[in-house]
C-alpha cells in the first residue's frame, strides 16, 4: 500500500491489548514509510533514526506520537487513494 505525507497527529493504524503500531515519515525527502510498534507498558518511548525522541500520549483524543524534538520534520502516513 502506498502512503502520502500529511500534517497532523501520527495516530496508530493498529491497536490491541499489548500495544500500538504507527506508520510515519521522517523528513520531507524520505520516500519510505517507517513503521514502529510501541508496547502500552513502554513509558520510555522510542528514538527515531534522526535522533528525535518519541513517546505515546493520550490527551483525550486517543493515542498519538509525541515528538520531543524535530516534530516539524515528521509526518503522518495517510493511505494514498
Protein backbone atom coordinates (compact mmCIF):
# COMPACT_ATOMS: atom_id res chain seq x y z
CA UNK A 1 0.00 0.00 0.00
CA UNK A 2 1.29 3.47 -0.85
CA UNK A 3 1.21 6.34 1.62
CA UNK A 4 1.46 10.09 1.38
CA UNK A 5 2.72 12.62 3.92
CA UNK A 6 0.18 14.63 5.83
CA UNK A 7 0.47 17.16 8.65
CA UNK A 8 -1.33 16.32 11.83
CA UNK A 9 -1.02 13.79 14.60
CA UNK A 10 0.61 10.43 13.96
CA UNK A 11 -2.07 8.03 15.20
CA UNK A 12 -1.82 4.23 15.36
CA UNK A 13 -3.12 2.24 12.42
CA UNK A 14 -3.37 -0.82 14.67
CA UNK A 15 -4.03 -1.22 18.40
CA UNK A 16 -4.52 -4.30 20.56
CA UNK A 17 -4.32 -5.06 24.28
CA UNK A 18 -0.49 -5.10 24.21
CA UNK A 19 0.38 -2.05 22.15
CA UNK A 20 0.19 0.14 19.08
CA UNK A 21 1.68 0.16 15.60
CA UNK A 22 2.35 3.54 13.96
CA UNK A 23 3.36 4.49 10.41
CA UNK A 24 5.06 7.80 9.71
CA UNK A 25 7.59 9.61 7.55
CA UNK A 26 10.84 11.05 8.88
CA UNK A 27 11.91 14.01 6.78
CA UNK A 28 10.37 15.65 3.75
CA UNK A 29 12.56 13.76 1.28
CA UNK A 30 12.31 10.24 2.73
CA UNK A 31 10.25 8.16 0.27
CA UNK A 32 9.85 5.23 2.67
CA UNK A 33 7.25 4.90 5.38
CA UNK A 34 8.57 3.93 8.79
CA UNK A 35 6.68 1.53 10.98
CA UNK A 36 7.11 1.47 14.74
CA UNK A 37 5.42 -0.72 17.32
CA UNK A 38 5.09 0.64 20.85
CA UNK A 39 4.04 -1.54 23.80
CA UNK A 40 1.42 0.08 26.01
CA UNK A 41 3.66 -0.61 29.01
CA UNK A 42 6.60 1.32 27.48
CA UNK A 43 6.88 4.71 29.16
CA UNK A 44 10.41 5.39 27.84
CA UNK A 45 9.44 5.74 24.21
CA UNK A 46 11.46 5.30 21.06
CA UNK A 47 14.32 7.16 19.39
CA UNK A 48 13.90 7.76 15.67
CA UNK A 49 16.90 7.22 13.40
CA UNK A 50 17.19 11.03 13.13
CA UNK A 51 17.66 11.25 16.91
CA UNK A 52 14.19 12.55 17.84
CA UNK A 53 12.71 11.04 20.99
CA UNK A 54 9.13 9.83 20.51
CA UNK A 55 6.57 8.72 23.06
CA UNK A 56 2.88 7.83 23.00
CA UNK A 57 0.44 10.26 24.61
CA UNK A 58 -3.31 10.38 25.01
CA UNK A 59 -4.75 13.76 25.86
CA UNK A 60 -8.38 12.80 25.43
CA UNK A 61 -8.36 12.44 21.63
CA UNK A 62 -6.83 8.99 21.50
CA UNK A 63 -3.22 7.82 21.39
CA UNK A 64 -0.74 9.61 19.16
CA UNK A 65 3.03 10.06 18.81
CA UNK A 66 4.59 13.00 20.60
CA UNK A 67 7.87 14.13 19.07
CA UNK A 68 10.07 15.71 21.75
CA UNK A 69 12.36 17.21 19.12
CA UNK A 70 12.27 17.70 15.35
CA UNK A 71 8.45 17.46 15.31
CA UNK A 72 8.33 19.62 12.18
CA UNK A 73 10.27 17.00 10.19
CA UNK A 74 7.91 14.10 10.93
CA UNK A 75 4.70 13.48 9.02
CA UNK A 76 1.74 11.19 9.48
CA UNK A 77 1.33 8.48 6.83
CA UNK A 78 -2.05 8.62 5.12
CA UNK A 79 -3.06 5.80 2.73
CA UNK A 80 -2.96 7.09 -0.82
CA UNK A 81 -6.30 6.90 -2.59
